[in-house]
Amino acid sequence: MLNKSTKIKLKSNTGKIKTRYQMAEEFGWRSPKTFKSKLEQHGITLPGGSITPAWQKVIYEKLGYPEGVNKDDLE
């Protein structure tokens, strides 16, 4: 779970919003269900809806940046 100061920082990031399916594909998983399971294993619970760049950064920091994803694009 994220603390209050982290939530404030998350609101300031900009970039492209992604679906859970898109994120699962980036990691090479065929299903958003697998993606959700991996997130749960790392203690990440996403809010409903699409995944904002701020949340993408949190996910990539925990799971690693997949090939083709540039860390600098989320700064």
PDB file of N, CA and C in Angstrom:
ATOM      1  N   MET A   1       0.844  -1.183   0.000  1.00  0.00           N
ATOM      2  CA  MET A   1       0.000   0.000   0.000  1.00  0.00           C
ATOM      3  C   MET A   1       0.883   1.239   0.000  1.00  0.00           C
ATOM      4  N   LEU A   2       0.470   2.231  -0.729  1.00  0.00           N
ATOM      5  CA  LEU A   2       1.234   3.463  -0.819  1.00  0.00           C
ATOM      6  C   LEU A   2       0.886   4.403   0.326  1.00  0.00           C
ATOM      7  N   ASN A   3       1.878   5.143   0.785  1.00  0.00           N
ATOM      8  CA  ASN A   3       1.582   6.094   1.850  1.00  0.00           C
ATOM      9  C   ASN A   3       1.098   7.419   1.255  1.00  0.00           C
ATOM     10  N   LYS A   4       0.647   8.312   2.110  1.00  0.00           N
ATOM     11  CA  LYS A   4       0.040   9.557   1.659  1.00  0.00           C
ATOM     12  C   LYS A   4       0.995  10.396   0.812  1.00  0.00           C
ATOM     13  N   SER A   5       2.257  10.486   1.174  1.00  0.00           N
ATOM     14  CA  SER A   5       3.205  11.297   0.420  1.00  0.00           C
ATOM     15  C   SER A   5       3.435  10.726  -0.978  1.00  0.00           C
ATOM     16  N   THR A   6       3.394   9.406  -1.112  1.00  0.00           N
ATOM     17  CA  THR A   6       3.546   8.780  -2.420  1.00  0.00           C
ATOM     18  C   THR A   6       2.352   9.113  -3.301  1.00  0.00           C
ATOM     19  N   LYS A   7       1.161   9.087  -2.735  1.00  0.00           N
ATOM     20  CA  LYS A   7      -0.041   9.390  -3.503  1.00  0.00           C
ATOM     21  C   LYS A   7       0.017  10.806  -4.067  1.00  0.00           C
ATOM     22  N   ILE A   8       0.535  11.744  -3.315  1.00  0.00           N
ATOM     23  CA  ILE A   8       0.650  13.117  -3.791  1.00  0.00           C
ATOM     24  C   ILE A   8       1.593  13.179  -4.985  1.00  0.00           C
ATOM     25  N   LYS A   9       2.713  12.488  -4.923  1.00  0.00           N
ATOM     26  CA  LYS A   9       3.669  12.477  -6.021  1.00  0.00           C
ATOM     27  C   LYS A   9       3.071  11.825  -7.266  1.00  0.00           C
ATOM     28  N   LEU A  10       2.247  10.816  -7.095  1.00  0.00           N
ATOM     29  CA  LEU A  10       1.676  10.105  -8.225  1.00  0.00           C
ATOM     30  C   LEU A  10       0.807  10.997  -9.089  1.00  0.00           C
ATOM     31  N   LYS A  11       0.191  11.996  -8.509  1.00  0.00           N
ATOM     32  CA  LYS A  11      -0.715  12.856  -9.247  1.00  0.00           C
ATOM     33  C   LYS A  11       0.011  13.782 -10.224  1.00  0.00           C
ATOM     34  N   SER A  12       1.303  13.985 -10.060  1.00  0.00           N
ATOM     35  CA  SER A  12       2.011  14.971 -10.866  1.00  0.00           C
ATOM     36  C   SER A  12       2.604  14.430 -12.167  1.00  0.00           C
ATOM     37  N   ASN A  13       2.662  13.118 -12.350  1.00  0.00           N
ATOM     38  CA  ASN A  13       3.256  12.552 -13.563  1.00  0.00           C
ATOM     39  C   ASN A  13       2.331  12.688 -14.761  1.00  0.00           C
ATOM     40  N   THR A  14       2.935  12.812 -15.953  1.00  0.00           N
ATOM     41  CA  THR A  14       2.149  12.901 -17.178  1.00  0.00           C
ATOM     42  C   THR A  14       2.623  11.852 -18.164  1.00  0.00           C
ATOM     43  N   GLY A  15       1.831  11.584 -19.198  1.00  0.00           N
ATOM     44  CA  GLY A  15       2.199  10.610 -20.218  1.00  0.00           C
ATOM     45  C   GLY A  15       0.975   9.872 -20.708  1.00  0.00           C
ATOM     46  N   LYS A  16       1.184   8.719 -21.314  1.00  0.00           N
ATOM     47  CA  LYS A  16       0.085   7.953 -21.889  1.00  0.00           C
ATOM     48  C   LYS A  16      -0.511   6.975 -20.887  1.00  0.00           C
ATOM     49  N   ILE A  17      -1.824   6.919 -20.882  1.00  0.00           N
ATOM     50  CA  ILE A  17      -2.543   5.968 -20.046  1.00  0.00           C
ATOM     51  C   ILE A  17      -2.599   4.631 -20.775  1.00  0.00           C
ATOM     52  N   LYS A  18      -2.483   3.530 -20.022  1.00  0.00           N
ATOM     53  CA  LYS A  18      -2.507   2.186 -20.609  1.00  0.00           C
ATOM     54  C   LYS A  18      -3.585   1.345 -19.948  1.00  0.00           C
ATOM     55  N   THR A  19      -4.038   0.339 -20.680  1.00  0.00           N
ATOM     56  CA  THR A  19      -4.975  -0.624 -20.114  1.00  0.00           C
ATOM     57  C   THR A  19      -4.194  -1.728 -19.415  1.00  0.00           C
ATOM     58  N   ARG A  20      -4.891  -2.513 -18.616  1.00  0.00           N
ATOM     59  CA  ARG A  20      -4.252  -3.661 -17.965  1.00  0.00           C
ATOM     60  C   ARG A  20      -3.781  -4.669 -19.011  1.00  0.00           C
ATOM     61  N   TYR A  21      -4.548  -4.810 -20.079  1.00  0.00           N
ATOM     62  CA  TYR A  21      -4.163  -5.726 -21.150  1.00  0.00           C
ATOM     63  C   TYR A  21      -2.848  -5.273 -21.803  1.00  0.00           C
ATOM     64  N   GLN A  22      -2.712  -3.981 -22.062  1.00  0.00           N
ATOM     65  CA  GLN A  22      -1.473  -3.459 -22.653  1.00  0.00           C
ATOM     66  C   GLN A  22      -0.278  -3.699 -21.732  1.00  0.00           C
ATOM     67  N   MET A  23      -0.486  -3.473 -20.451  1.00  0.00           N
ATOM     68  CA  MET A  23       0.605  -3.681 -19.497  1.00  0.00           C
ATOM     69  C   MET A  23       0.981  -5.158 -19.430  1.00  0.00           C
ATOM     70  N   ALA A  24      -0.009  -6.046 -19.415  1.00  0.00           N
ATOM     71  CA  ALA A  24       0.267  -7.482 -19.386  1.00  0.00           C
ATOM     72  C   ALA A  24       1.076  -7.891 -20.607  1.00  0.00           C
ATOM     73  N   GLU A  25       0.714  -7.375 -21.774  1.00  0.00           N
ATOM     74  CA  GLU A  25       1.440  -7.699 -23.002  1.00  0.00           C
ATOM     75  C   GLU A  25       2.887  -7.225 -22.952  1.00  0.00           C
ATOM     76  N   GLU A  26       3.128  -6.057 -22.371  1.00  0.00           N
ATOM     77  CA  GLU A  26       4.507  -5.557 -22.248  1.00  0.00           C
ATOM     78  C   GLU A  26       5.397  -6.537 -21.494  1.00  0.00           C
ATOM     79  N   PHE A  27       4.826  -7.181 -20.476  1.00  0.00           N
ATOM     80  CA  PHE A  27       5.595  -8.131 -19.671  1.00  0.00           C
ATOM     81  C   PHE A  27       5.606  -9.536 -20.275  1.00  0.00           C
ATOM     82  N   GLY A  28       4.877  -9.714 -21.379  1.00  0.00           N
ATOM     83  CA  GLY A  28       4.853 -11.017 -22.032  1.00  0.00           C
ATOM     84  C   GLY A  28       3.814 -11.963 -21.469  1.00  0.00           C
ATOM     85  N   TRP A  29       2.862 -11.425 -20.686  1.00  0.00           N
ATOM     86  CA  TRP A  29       1.788 -12.246 -20.129  1.00  0.00           C
ATOM     87  C   TRP A  29       0.577 -12.124 -21.032  1.00  0.00           C
ATOM     88  N   ARG A  30      -0.147 -13.205 -21.204  1.00  0.00           N
ATOM     89  CA  ARG A  30      -1.272 -13.224 -22.127  1.00  0.00           C
ATOM     90  C   ARG A  30      -2.576 -12.728 -21.528  1.00  0.00           C
ATOM     91  N   SER A  31      -2.591 -12.486 -20.260  1.00  0.00           N
ATOM     92  CA  SER A  31      -3.858 -12.187 -19.607  1.00  0.00           C
ATOM     93  C   SER A  31      -3.716 -11.082 -18.562  1.00  0.00           C
ATOM     94  N   PRO A  32      -4.691 -10.175 -18.515  1.00  0.00           N
ATOM     95  CA  PRO A  32      -4.713  -9.188 -17.430  1.00  0.00           C
ATOM     96  C   PRO A  32      -4.855  -9.859 -16.061  1.00  0.00           C
ATOM     97  N   LYS A  33      -5.423 -11.060 -16.043  1.00  0.00           N
ATOM     98  CA  LYS A  33      -5.564 -11.803 -14.786  1.00  0.00           C
ATOM     99  C   LYS A  33      -4.178 -12.169 -14.230  1.00  0.00           C
ATOM    100  N   THR A  34      -3.279 -12.596 -15.107  1.00  0.00           N
ATOM    101  CA  THR A  34      -1.902 -12.890 -14.694  1.00  0.00           C
ATOM    102  C   THR A  34      -1.233 -11.619 -14.190  1.00  0.00           C
ATOM    103  N   PHE A  35      -1.452 -10.515 -14.899  1.00  0.00           N
ATOM    104  CA  PHE A  35      -0.905  -9.218 -14.509  1.00  0.00           C
ATOM    105  C   PHE A  35      -1.368  -8.852 -13.095  1.00  0.00           C
ATOM    106  N   LYS A  36      -2.653  -9.000 -12.837  1.00  0.00           N
ATOM    107  CA  LYS A  36      -3.211  -8.688 -11.524  1.00  0.00           C
ATOM    108  C   LYS A  36      -2.574  -9.567 -10.446  1.00  0.00           C
ATOM    109  N   SER A  37      -2.390 -10.835 -10.753  1.00  0.00           N
ATOM    110  CA  SER A  37      -1.783 -11.765  -9.805  1.00  0.00           C
ATOM    111  C   SER A  37      -0.350 -11.348  -9.474  1.00  0.00           C
ATOM    112  N   LYS A  38       0.405 -10.966 -10.489  1.00  0.00           N
ATOM    113  CA  LYS A  38       1.795 -10.515 -10.270  1.00  0.00           C
ATOM    114  C   LYS A  38       1.822  -9.251  -9.419  1.00  0.00           C
ATOM    115  N   LEU A  39       0.889  -8.333  -9.678  1.00  0.00           N
ATOM    116  CA  LEU A  39       0.827  -7.112  -8.879  1.00  0.00           C
ATOM    117  C   LEU A  39       0.542  -7.438  -7.420  1.00  0.00           C
ATOM    118  N   GLU A  40      -0.415  -8.331  -7.204  1.00  0.00           N
ATOM    119  CA  GLU A  40      -0.767  -8.717  -5.835  1.00  0.00           C
ATOM    120  C   GLU A  40       0.415  -9.346  -5.113  1.00  0.00           C
ATOM    121  N   GLN A  41       1.216 -10.123  -5.818  1.00  0.00           N
ATOM    122  CA  GLN A  41       2.404 -10.739  -5.216  1.00  0.00           C
ATOM    123  C   GLN A  41       3.398  -9.686  -4.741  1.00  0.00           C
ATOM    124  N   HIS A  42       3.361  -8.503  -5.365  1.00  0.00           N
ATOM    125  CA  HIS A  42       4.272  -7.417  -5.001  1.00  0.00           C
ATOM    126  C   HIS A  42       3.589  -6.341  -4.150  1.00  0.00           C
ATOM    127  N   GLY A  43       2.384  -6.637  -3.680  1.00  0.00           N
ATOM    128  CA  GLY A  43       1.692  -5.710  -2.788  1.00  0.00           C
ATOM    129  C   GLY A  43       1.109  -4.486  -3.466  1.00  0.00           C
ATOM    130  N   ILE A  44       0.831  -4.571  -4.758  1.00  0.00           N
ATOM    131  CA  ILE A  44       0.272  -3.439  -5.498  1.00  0.00           C
ATOM    132  C   ILE A  44      -1.203  -3.692  -5.771  1.00  0.00           C
ATOM    133  N   THR A  45      -2.034  -2.758  -5.335  1.00  0.00           N
ATOM    134  CA  THR A  45      -3.462  -2.808  -5.625  1.00  0.00           C
ATOM    135  C   THR A  45      -3.815  -1.548  -6.396  1.00  0.00           C
ATOM    136  N   LEU A  46      -4.211  -1.720  -7.647  1.00  0.00           N
ATOM    137  CA  LEU A  46      -4.523  -0.575  -8.505  1.00  0.00           C
ATOM    138  C   LEU A  46      -5.951  -0.094  -8.287  1.00  0.00           C
ATOM    139  N   PRO A  47      -6.164   1.224  -8.458  1.00  0.00           N
ATOM    140  CA  PRO A  47      -7.544   1.719  -8.469  1.00  0.00           C
ATOM    141  C   PRO A  47      -8.213   1.273  -9.773  1.00  0.00           C
ATOM    142  N   GLY A  48      -9.518   1.368  -9.850  1.00  0.00           N
ATOM    143  CA  GLY A  48     -10.228   0.972 -11.058  1.00  0.00           C
ATOM    144  C   GLY A  48      -9.869   1.843 -12.248  1.00  0.00           C
ATOM    145  N   GLY A  49     -10.160   1.345 -13.425  1.00  0.00           N
ATOM    146  CA  GLY A  49      -9.926   2.113 -14.643  1.00  0.00           C
ATOM    147  C   GLY A  49      -8.559   1.861 -15.248  1.00  0.00           C
ATOM    148  N   SER A  50      -8.203   2.726 -16.174  1.00  0.00           N
ATOM    149  CA  SER A  50      -6.928   2.606 -16.869  1.00  0.00           C
ATOM    150  C   SER A  50      -5.762   2.928 -15.937  1.00  0.00           C
ATOM    151  N   ILE A  51      -4.575   2.566 -16.383  1.00  0.00           N
ATOM    152  CA  ILE A  51      -3.380   2.740 -15.553  1.00  0.00           C
ATOM    153  C   ILE A  51      -2.647   4.004 -15.982  1.00  0.00           C
ATOM    154  N   THR A  52      -2.574   4.945 -15.074  1.00  0.00           N
ATOM    155  CA  THR A  52      -1.912   6.219 -15.360  1.00  0.00           C
ATOM    156  C   THR A  52      -0.399   6.035 -15.386  1.00  0.00           C
ATOM    157  N   PRO A  53       0.317   6.971 -16.003  1.00  0.00           N
ATOM    158  CA  PRO A  53       1.787   6.881 -16.010  1.00  0.00           C
ATOM    159  C   PRO A  53       2.385   6.816 -14.609  1.00  0.00           C
ATOM    160  N   ALA A  54       1.765   7.480 -13.658  1.00  0.00           N
ATOM    161  CA  ALA A  54       2.279   7.432 -12.283  1.00  0.00           C
ATOM    162  C   ALA A  54       2.221   6.014 -11.735  1.00  0.00           C
ATOM    163  N   TRP A  55       1.100   5.338 -11.968  1.00  0.00           N
ATOM    164  CA  TRP A  55       0.975   3.950 -11.521  1.00  0.00           C
ATOM    165  C   TRP A  55       1.877   3.036 -12.336  1.00  0.00           C
ATOM    166  N   GLN A  56       2.054   3.340 -13.605  1.00  0.00           N
ATOM    167  CA  GLN A  56       2.954   2.551 -14.438  1.00  0.00           C
ATOM    168  C   GLN A  56       4.358   2.578 -13.838  1.00  0.00           C
ATOM    169  N   LYS A  57       4.779   3.748 -13.408  1.00  0.00           N
ATOM    170  CA  LYS A  57       6.107   3.878 -12.813  1.00  0.00           C
ATOM    171  C   LYS A  57       6.234   3.023 -11.553  1.00  0.00           C
ATOM    172  N   VAL A  58       5.207   3.042 -10.719  1.00  0.00           N
ATOM    173  CA  VAL A  58       5.205   2.222  -9.499  1.00  0.00           C
ATOM    174  C   VAL A  58       5.354   0.747  -9.876  1.00  0.00           C
ATOM    175  N   ILE A  59       4.583   0.318 -10.877  1.00  0.00           N
ATOM    176  CA  ILE A  59       4.608  -1.071 -11.327  1.00  0.00           C
ATOM    177  C   ILE A  59       5.986  -1.433 -11.876  1.00  0.00           C
ATOM    178  N   TYR A  60       6.519  -0.588 -12.745  1.00  0.00           N
ATOM    179  CA  TYR A  60       7.827  -0.883 -13.341  1.00  0.00           C
ATOM    180  C   TYR A  60       8.940  -0.900 -12.294  1.00  0.00           C
ATOM    181  N   GLU A  61       8.840  -0.029 -11.305  1.00  0.00           N
ATOM    182  CA  GLU A  61       9.851  -0.014 -10.245  1.00  0.00           C
ATOM    183  C   GLU A  61       9.837  -1.317  -9.455  1.00  0.00           C
ATOM    184  N   LYS A  62       8.666  -1.915  -9.279  1.00  0.00           N
ATOM    185  CA  LYS A  62       8.549  -3.170  -8.527  1.00  0.00           C
ATOM    186  C   LYS A  62       8.851  -4.401  -9.392  1.00  0.00           C
ATOM    187  N   LEU A  63       8.331  -4.412 -10.623  1.00  0.00           N
ATOM    188  CA  LEU A  63       8.437  -5.598 -11.480  1.00  0.00           C
ATOM    189  C   LEU A  63       9.587  -5.525 -12.475  1.00  0.00           C
ATOM    190  N   GLY A  64      10.171  -4.357 -12.635  1.00  0.00           N
ATOM    191  CA  GLY A  64      11.226  -4.167 -13.620  1.00  0.00           C
ATOM    192  C   GLY A  64      10.663  -3.569 -14.903  1.00  0.00           C
ATOM    193  N   TYR A  65      11.516  -2.881 -15.628  1.00  0.00           N
ATOM    194  CA  TYR A  65      11.099  -2.256 -16.883  1.00  0.00           C
ATOM    195  C   TYR A  65      11.223  -3.272 -18.008  1.00  0.00           C
ATOM    196  N   PRO A  66      10.107  -3.612 -18.674  1.00  0.00           N
ATOM    197  CA  PRO A  66      10.183  -4.567 -19.776  1.00  0.00           C
ATOM    198  C   PRO A  66      10.900  -3.954 -20.973  1.00  0.00           C
ATOM    199  N   GLU A  67      11.365  -4.809 -21.853  1.00  0.00           N
ATOM    200  CA  GLU A  67      12.027  -4.357 -23.068  1.00  0.00           C
ATOM    201  C   GLU A  67      11.089  -3.443 -23.845  1.00  0.00           C
ATOM    202  N   GLY A  68      11.608  -2.316 -24.303  1.00  0.00           N
ATOM    203  CA  GLY A  68      10.801  -1.376 -25.067  1.00  0.00           C
ATOM    204  C   GLY A  68      10.185  -0.267 -24.244  1.00  0.00           C
ATOM    205  N   VAL A  69      10.307  -0.340 -22.921  1.00  0.00           N
ATOM    206  CA  VAL A  69       9.771   0.697 -22.046  1.00  0.00           C
ATOM    207  C   VAL A  69      10.944   1.515 -21.543  1.00  0.00           C
ATOM    208  N   ASN A  70      10.909   2.813 -21.824  1.00  0.00           N
ATOM    209  CA  ASN A  70      11.981   3.711 -21.440  1.00  0.00           C
ATOM    210  C   ASN A  70      11.654   4.392 -20.105  1.00  0.00           C
ATOM    211  N   LYS A  71      12.494   4.183 -19.143  1.00  0.00           N
ATOM    212  CA  LYS A  71      12.294   4.763 -17.801  1.00  0.00           C
ATOM    213  C   LYS A  71      12.146   6.273 -17.859  1.00  0.00           C
ATOM    214  N   ASP A  72      12.877   6.922 -18.735  1.00  0.00           N
ATOM    215  CA  ASP A  72      12.860   8.389 -18.824  1.00  0.00           C
ATOM    216  C   ASP A  72      11.515   8.932 -19.320  1.00  0.00           C
ATOM    217  N   ASP A  73      10.739   8.111 -20.003  1.00  0.00           N
ATOM    218  CA  ASP A  73       9.432   8.553 -20.494  1.00  0.00           C
ATOM    219  C   ASP A  73       8.445   8.784 -19.368  1.00  0.00           C
ATOM    220  N   LEU A  74       8.714   8.243 -18.198  1.00  0.00           N
ATOM    221  CA  LEU A  74       7.798   8.371 -17.061  1.00  0.00           C
ATOM    222  C   LEU A  74       8.252   9.410 -16.042  1.00  0.00           C
ATOM    223  N   GLU A  75       9.323  10.089 -16.315  1.00  0.00           N
ATOM    224  CA  GLU A  75       9.832  11.104 -15.375  1.00  0.00           C
ATOM    225  C   GLU A  75       9.068  12.399 -15.518  1.00  0.00           C
TER     226      GLU A  75
END
